[in-house]
């Protein structure tokens, strides 16, 4: 594997299986829960695209998991930080509604609902997140810029919301609305 290999759903699941197998041999813990966000959450929950890394927001992740992840990176030629907590500082003030996407003997991986992920994508407002944010807005049933802005504002209060977020929400809403117009309507049998 190269230093910047994209990881798809199957590859990430295989890595989690390897972590789970090794945890069974090295830890006394009954359960380790890993809360995954960002692109990896979309990969794992909806099978969308691929990602370079797996961002998590789990507090107090056991050192065993980090050690195993580092060992796997070395053995499989992955980025050293393929499993990282870099998104921890960007978690929204929203309820984390989990969906289990992997359940091993020791390791359980959860991802949040679309609104939680959407708030994170909107707050970052990176051009690379535009497709993800549009998908998540559709999943959440949000199609106006004002609703998107309200979501990110509520999720990150009292933090200031950058003006670029306003422009980004307008772009996302426009894309959601365009997609809705392109979808065929219900068959009314007329």
C-alpha atoms as a PDB file:
ATOM      1  CA  UNK A   1       0.000   0.000   0.000  1.00  0.00           C
ATOM      2  CA  UNK A   2       1.247   3.503  -0.752  1.00  0.00           C
ATOM      3  CA  UNK A   3       1.545   6.350   1.766  1.00  0.00           C
ATOM      4  CA  UNK A   4      -1.647   7.976   0.534  1.00  0.00           C
ATOM      5  CA  UNK A   5      -3.847   5.057  -0.333  1.00  0.00           C
ATOM      6  CA  UNK A   6      -7.569   5.562  -0.370  1.00  0.00           C
ATOM      7  CA  UNK A   7      -9.401   3.184   1.938  1.00  0.00           C
ATOM      8  CA  UNK A   8     -12.799   1.844   0.936  1.00  0.00           C
ATOM      9  CA  UNK A   9     -15.479   0.297   3.137  1.00  0.00           C
ATOM     10  CA  UNK A  10     -14.101  -3.233   2.842  1.00  0.00           C
ATOM     11  CA  UNK A  11     -10.524  -2.197   3.594  1.00  0.00           C
ATOM     12  CA  UNK A  12     -11.523  -0.181   6.664  1.00  0.00           C
ATOM     13  CA  UNK A  13     -13.655  -3.061   7.906  1.00  0.00           C
ATOM     14  CA  UNK A  14     -10.708  -5.436   7.443  1.00  0.00           C
ATOM     15  CA  UNK A  15      -8.504  -3.068   9.459  1.00  0.00           C
ATOM     16  CA  UNK A  16     -11.102  -2.972  12.235  1.00  0.00           C
ATOM     17  CA  UNK A  17     -11.256  -6.768  12.181  1.00  0.00           C
ATOM     18  CA  UNK A  18      -7.483  -6.904  12.583  1.00  0.00           C
ATOM     19  CA  UNK A  19      -7.649  -4.440  15.490  1.00  0.00           C
ATOM     20  CA  UNK A  20     -10.445  -6.472  17.077  1.00  0.00           C
ATOM     21  CA  UNK A  21      -8.497  -9.728  16.668  1.00  0.00           C
ATOM     22  CA  UNK A  22      -5.419  -8.222  18.289  1.00  0.00           C
ATOM     23  CA  UNK A  23      -7.446  -6.603  21.090  1.00  0.00           C
ATOM     24  CA  UNK A  24      -8.893 -10.006  21.950  1.00  0.00           C
ATOM     25  CA  UNK A  25      -5.344 -11.231  22.535  1.00  0.00           C
ATOM     26  CA  UNK A  26      -3.921  -8.180  24.330  1.00  0.00           C
ATOM     27  CA  UNK A  27      -6.571  -6.474  26.434  1.00  0.00           C
ATOM     28  CA  UNK A  28      -8.727  -7.268  29.405  1.00  0.00           C
ATOM     29  CA  UNK A  29     -11.380  -4.812  28.219  1.00  0.00           C
ATOM     30  CA  UNK A  30     -14.805  -6.186  27.367  1.00  0.00           C
ATOM     31  CA  UNK A  31     -15.683  -3.413  24.937  1.00  0.00           C
ATOM     32  CA  UNK A  32     -13.841  -0.669  23.102  1.00  0.00           C
ATOM     33  CA  UNK A  33     -16.147   1.755  21.319  1.00  0.00           C
ATOM     34  CA  UNK A  34     -14.762   3.887  18.516  1.00  0.00           C
ATOM     35  CA  UNK A  35     -16.887   6.826  17.314  1.00  0.00           C
ATOM     36  CA  UNK A  36     -15.939   7.547  13.694  1.00  0.00           C
ATOM     37  CA  UNK A  37     -16.741  10.838  11.941  1.00  0.00           C
ATOM     38  CA  UNK A  38     -15.788  12.615   8.723  1.00  0.00           C
ATOM     39  CA  UNK A  39     -15.358  10.922   5.394  1.00  0.00           C
ATOM     40  CA  UNK A  40     -14.793   7.532   6.983  1.00  0.00           C
ATOM     41  CA  UNK A  41     -18.265   7.708   8.562  1.00  0.00           C
ATOM     42  CA  UNK A  42     -19.771   8.200   5.101  1.00  0.00           C
ATOM     43  CA  UNK A  43     -17.674   5.336   3.761  1.00  0.00           C
ATOM     44  CA  UNK A  44     -18.719   2.999   6.561  1.00  0.00           C
ATOM     45  CA  UNK A  45     -22.410   3.915   6.858  1.00  0.00           C
ATOM     46  CA  UNK A  46     -23.384   4.598   3.256  1.00  0.00           C
ATOM     47  CA  UNK A  47     -20.566   2.976   1.270  1.00  0.00           C
ATOM     48  CA  UNK A  48     -19.773   6.304  -0.366  1.00  0.00           C
ATOM     49  CA  UNK A  49     -16.407   6.991  -1.934  1.00  0.00           C
ATOM     50  CA  UNK A  50     -13.169   6.209  -0.125  1.00  0.00           C
ATOM     51  CA  UNK A  51     -11.017   8.094   2.369  1.00  0.00           C
ATOM     52  CA  UNK A  52      -7.374   8.555   3.278  1.00  0.00           C
ATOM     53  CA  UNK A  53      -7.917   8.274   7.004  1.00  0.00           C
ATOM     54  CA  UNK A  54     -10.341   7.354   9.753  1.00  0.00           C
ATOM     55  CA  UNK A  55     -11.183  10.259  12.063  1.00  0.00           C
ATOM     56  CA  UNK A  56     -12.573   9.416  15.478  1.00  0.00           C
ATOM     57  CA  UNK A  57     -13.902  11.465  18.395  1.00  0.00           C
ATOM     58  CA  UNK A  58     -13.725   8.857  21.137  1.00  0.00           C
ATOM     59  CA  UNK A  59     -12.592  10.068  24.530  1.00  0.00           C
ATOM     60  CA  UNK A  60     -10.009   7.936  26.326  1.00  0.00           C
ATOM     61  CA  UNK A  61      -9.280   5.514  23.512  1.00  0.00           C
ATOM     62  CA  UNK A  62      -7.152   2.728  25.003  1.00  0.00           C
ATOM     63  CA  UNK A  63      -3.465   2.890  24.118  1.00  0.00           C
ATOM     64  CA  UNK A  64      -3.748  -0.691  22.850  1.00  0.00           C
ATOM     65  CA  UNK A  65      -5.876   0.529  19.928  1.00  0.00           C
ATOM     66  CA  UNK A  66      -3.390   3.242  19.026  1.00  0.00           C
ATOM     67  CA  UNK A  67      -0.483   0.785  19.242  1.00  0.00           C
ATOM     68  CA  UNK A  68      -2.246  -1.749  17.047  1.00  0.00           C
ATOM     69  CA  UNK A  69      -3.161   0.963  14.510  1.00  0.00           C
ATOM     70  CA  UNK A  70       0.477   2.088  14.365  1.00  0.00           C
ATOM     71  CA  UNK A  71       1.638  -1.485  13.901  1.00  0.00           C
ATOM     72  CA  UNK A  72      -0.901  -1.990  11.099  1.00  0.00           C
ATOM     73  CA  UNK A  73       0.271   1.210   9.421  1.00  0.00           C
ATOM     74  CA  UNK A  74       3.837  -0.079   9.402  1.00  0.00           C
ATOM     75  CA  UNK A  75       2.914  -3.594   8.284  1.00  0.00           C
ATOM     76  CA  UNK A  76       0.501  -2.522   5.548  1.00  0.00           C
ATOM     77  CA  UNK A  77       2.170   0.668   4.349  1.00  0.00           C
ATOM     78  CA  UNK A  78      -0.603   2.953   5.554  1.00  0.00           C
ATOM     79  CA  UNK A  79      -0.200   6.569   6.605  1.00  0.00           C
ATOM     80  CA  UNK A  80       1.067   6.638  10.179  1.00  0.00           C
ATOM     81  CA  UNK A  81      -2.053   8.589  11.210  1.00  0.00           C
ATOM     82  CA  UNK A  82      -4.607   6.596   9.225  1.00  0.00           C
ATOM     83  CA  UNK A  83      -6.545   6.289  12.511  1.00  0.00           C
ATOM     84  CA  UNK A  84      -6.543   9.674  14.235  1.00  0.00           C
ATOM     85  CA  UNK A  85      -8.418  11.993  16.562  1.00  0.00           C
ATOM     86  CA  UNK A  86      -7.790  15.168  14.556  1.00  0.00           C
ATOM     87  CA  UNK A  87     -11.519  15.946  14.355  1.00  0.00           C
ATOM     88  CA  UNK A  88     -11.966  16.035  18.137  1.00  0.00           C
ATOM     89  CA  UNK A  89     -11.766  19.832  18.280  1.00  0.00           C
ATOM     90  CA  UNK A  90     -14.565  20.156  15.718  1.00  0.00           C
ATOM     91  CA  UNK A  91     -17.316  18.129  17.352  1.00  0.00           C
ATOM     92  CA  UNK A  92     -20.669  19.902  17.331  1.00  0.00           C
ATOM     93  CA  UNK A  93     -22.900  20.492  20.335  1.00  0.00           C
ATOM     94  CA  UNK A  94     -25.459  18.024  19.017  1.00  0.00           C
ATOM     95  CA  UNK A  95     -26.708  14.685  20.260  1.00  0.00           C
ATOM     96  CA  UNK A  96     -24.624  11.856  18.810  1.00  0.00           C
ATOM     97  CA  UNK A  97     -27.267   9.448  17.454  1.00  0.00           C
ATOM     98  CA  UNK A  98     -25.134   6.355  16.823  1.00  0.00           C
ATOM     99  CA  UNK A  99     -25.412   3.660  14.207  1.00  0.00           C
ATOM    100  CA  UNK A 100     -23.221   0.593  14.689  1.00  0.00           C
ATOM    101  CA  UNK A 101     -21.190  -0.032  11.534  1.00  0.00           C
ATOM    102  CA  UNK A 102     -18.830  -2.665  12.923  1.00  0.00           C
ATOM    103  CA  UNK A 103     -19.250  -5.033  15.847  1.00  0.00           C
ATOM    104  CA  UNK A 104     -16.388  -7.334  16.713  1.00  0.00           C
ATOM    105  CA  UNK A 105     -15.779  -9.294  19.884  1.00  0.00           C
ATOM    106  CA  UNK A 106     -14.109  -6.318  21.620  1.00  0.00           C
ATOM    107  CA  UNK A 107     -14.211  -3.441  19.125  1.00  0.00           C
ATOM    108  CA  UNK A 108     -17.468  -1.711  18.255  1.00  0.00           C
ATOM    109  CA  UNK A 109     -17.477   1.139  15.743  1.00  0.00           C
ATOM    110  CA  UNK A 110     -20.269   3.687  15.636  1.00  0.00           C
ATOM    111  CA  UNK A 111     -21.007   6.663  13.401  1.00  0.00           C
ATOM    112  CA  UNK A 112     -23.340   9.597  14.086  1.00  0.00           C
ATOM    113  CA  UNK A 113     -26.481  10.524  12.208  1.00  0.00           C
ATOM    114  CA  UNK A 114     -26.459  12.666   9.065  1.00  0.00           C
ATOM    115  CA  UNK A 115     -27.238  15.949  10.906  1.00  0.00           C
ATOM    116  CA  UNK A 116     -24.197  15.572  13.189  1.00  0.00           C
ATOM    117  CA  UNK A 117     -21.900  14.814  10.263  1.00  0.00           C
ATOM    118  CA  UNK A 118     -23.486  17.595   8.190  1.00  0.00           C
ATOM    119  CA  UNK A 119     -22.834  20.168  10.922  1.00  0.00           C
ATOM    120  CA  UNK A 120     -19.155  19.159  10.933  1.00  0.00           C
ATOM    121  CA  UNK A 121     -18.882  19.381   7.142  1.00  0.00           C
ATOM    122  CA  UNK A 122     -20.608  22.772   7.082  1.00  0.00           C
ATOM    123  CA  UNK A 123     -18.430  24.147   9.870  1.00  0.00           C
ATOM    124  CA  UNK A 124     -15.259  23.177   8.002  1.00  0.00           C
ATOM    125  CA  UNK A 125     -16.676  24.474   4.693  1.00  0.00           C
ATOM    126  CA  UNK A 126     -13.881  22.931   2.671  1.00  0.00           C
ATOM    127  CA  UNK A 127     -14.388  22.674  -1.073  1.00  0.00           C
ATOM    128  CA  UNK A 128     -13.519  18.977  -0.773  1.00  0.00           C
ATOM    129  CA  UNK A 129     -16.534  18.543   1.548  1.00  0.00           C
ATOM    130  CA  UNK A 130     -19.104  19.980  -0.877  1.00  0.00           C
ATOM    131  CA  UNK A 131     -20.258  16.629  -2.257  1.00  0.00           C
ATOM    132  CA  UNK A 132     -20.428  15.065   1.222  1.00  0.00           C
ATOM    133  CA  UNK A 133     -22.349  18.038   2.632  1.00  0.00           C
ATOM    134  CA  UNK A 134     -24.828  17.924  -0.247  1.00  0.00           C
ATOM    135  CA  UNK A 135     -25.398  14.200   0.300  1.00  0.00           C
ATOM    136  CA  UNK A 136     -25.793  14.651   4.060  1.00  0.00           C
ATOM    137  CA  UNK A 137     -28.204  17.575   3.654  1.00  0.00           C
ATOM    138  CA  UNK A 138     -30.356  15.392   1.398  1.00  0.00           C
ATOM    139  CA  UNK A 139     -30.204  12.570   3.951  1.00  0.00           C
ATOM    140  CA  UNK A 140     -31.213  14.991   6.714  1.00  0.00           C
ATOM    141  CA  UNK A 141     -34.052  16.466   4.643  1.00  0.00           C
ATOM    142  CA  UNK A 142     -32.579  19.965   4.725  1.00  0.00           C
ATOM    143  CA  UNK A 143     -32.770  21.942   1.505  1.00  0.00           C
ATOM    144  CA  UNK A 144     -32.488  25.649   2.326  1.00  0.00           C
ATOM    145  CA  UNK A 145     -29.419  27.706   3.100  1.00  0.00           C
ATOM    146  CA  UNK A 146     -31.137  29.178   6.157  1.00  0.00           C
ATOM    147  CA  UNK A 147     -31.858  25.729   7.643  1.00  0.00           C
ATOM    148  CA  UNK A 148     -28.247  24.709   7.015  1.00  0.00           C
ATOM    149  CA  UNK A 149     -26.931  27.898   8.587  1.00  0.00           C
ATOM    150  CA  UNK A 150     -29.276  27.454  11.562  1.00  0.00           C
ATOM    151  CA  UNK A 151     -27.972  23.906  12.037  1.00  0.00           C
ATOM    152  CA  UNK A 152     -24.294  24.854  12.030  1.00  0.00           C
ATOM    153  CA  UNK A 153     -24.902  27.947  14.181  1.00  0.00           C
ATOM    154  CA  UNK A 154     -26.774  25.943  16.828  1.00  0.00           C
ATOM    155  CA  UNK A 155     -24.217  23.134  16.684  1.00  0.00           C
ATOM    156  CA  UNK A 156     -21.218  25.359  17.293  1.00  0.00           C
ATOM    157  CA  UNK A 157     -22.487  28.099  19.631  1.00  0.00           C
ATOM    158  CA  UNK A 158     -20.829  30.092  21.098  1.00  0.00           C
ATOM    159  CA  UNK A 159     -18.094  29.755  18.469  1.00  0.00           C
ATOM    160  CA  UNK A 160     -18.261  32.391  15.740  1.00  0.00           C
ATOM    161  CA  UNK A 161     -19.402  31.152  12.334  1.00  0.00           C
ATOM    162  CA  UNK A 162     -17.079  32.257   9.551  1.00  0.00           C
ATOM    163  CA  UNK A 163     -18.624  34.094   6.603  1.00  0.00           C
ATOM    164  CA  UNK A 164     -17.382  31.344   4.276  1.00  0.00           C
ATOM    165  CA  UNK A 165     -19.841  29.012   6.023  1.00  0.00           C
ATOM    166  CA  UNK A 166     -22.697  31.206   4.799  1.00  0.00           C
ATOM    167  CA  UNK A 167     -21.490  30.941   1.209  1.00  0.00           C
ATOM    168  CA  UNK A 168     -20.918  27.224   1.600  1.00  0.00           C
ATOM    169  CA  UNK A 169     -24.444  26.647   2.949  1.00  0.00           C
ATOM    170  CA  UNK A 170     -25.857  28.531  -0.052  1.00  0.00           C
ATOM    171  CA  UNK A 171     -23.881  26.323  -2.419  1.00  0.00           C
ATOM    172  CA  UNK A 172     -24.983  23.156  -0.644  1.00  0.00           C
ATOM    173  CA  UNK A 173     -28.646  24.224  -0.615  1.00  0.00           C
ATOM    174  CA  UNK A 174     -28.478  25.077  -4.314  1.00  0.00           C
ATOM    175  CA  UNK A 175     -27.090  21.656  -5.128  1.00  0.00           C
ATOM    176  CA  UNK A 176     -29.697  19.872  -3.001  1.00  0.00           C
ATOM    177  CA  UNK A 177     -32.502  21.822  -4.673  1.00  0.00           C
ATOM    178  CA  UNK A 178     -31.063  21.143  -8.130  1.00  0.00           C
ATOM    179  CA  UNK A 179     -30.892  17.430  -7.344  1.00  0.00           C
ATOM    180  CA  UNK A 180     -34.502  17.490  -6.129  1.00  0.00           C
ATOM    181  CA  UNK A 181     -35.651  19.134  -9.385  1.00  0.00           C
ATOM    182  CA  UNK A 182     -33.882  16.437 -11.399  1.00  0.00           C
ATOM    183  CA  UNK A 183     -35.583  13.591  -9.525  1.00  0.00           C
ATOM    184  CA  UNK A 184     -38.708  12.225 -11.165  1.00  0.00           C
ATOM    185  CA  UNK A 185     -41.897  12.941  -9.254  1.00  0.00           C
ATOM    186  CA  UNK A 186     -44.203  10.278  -7.875  1.00  0.00           C
ATOM    187  CA  UNK A 187     -46.273   8.299 -10.348  1.00  0.00           C
ATOM    188  CA  UNK A 188     -49.758   9.685  -9.847  1.00  0.00           C
ATOM    189  CA  UNK A 189     -51.324   7.297 -12.358  1.00  0.00           C
ATOM    190  CA  UNK A 190     -52.724  10.119 -14.486  1.00  0.00           C
END
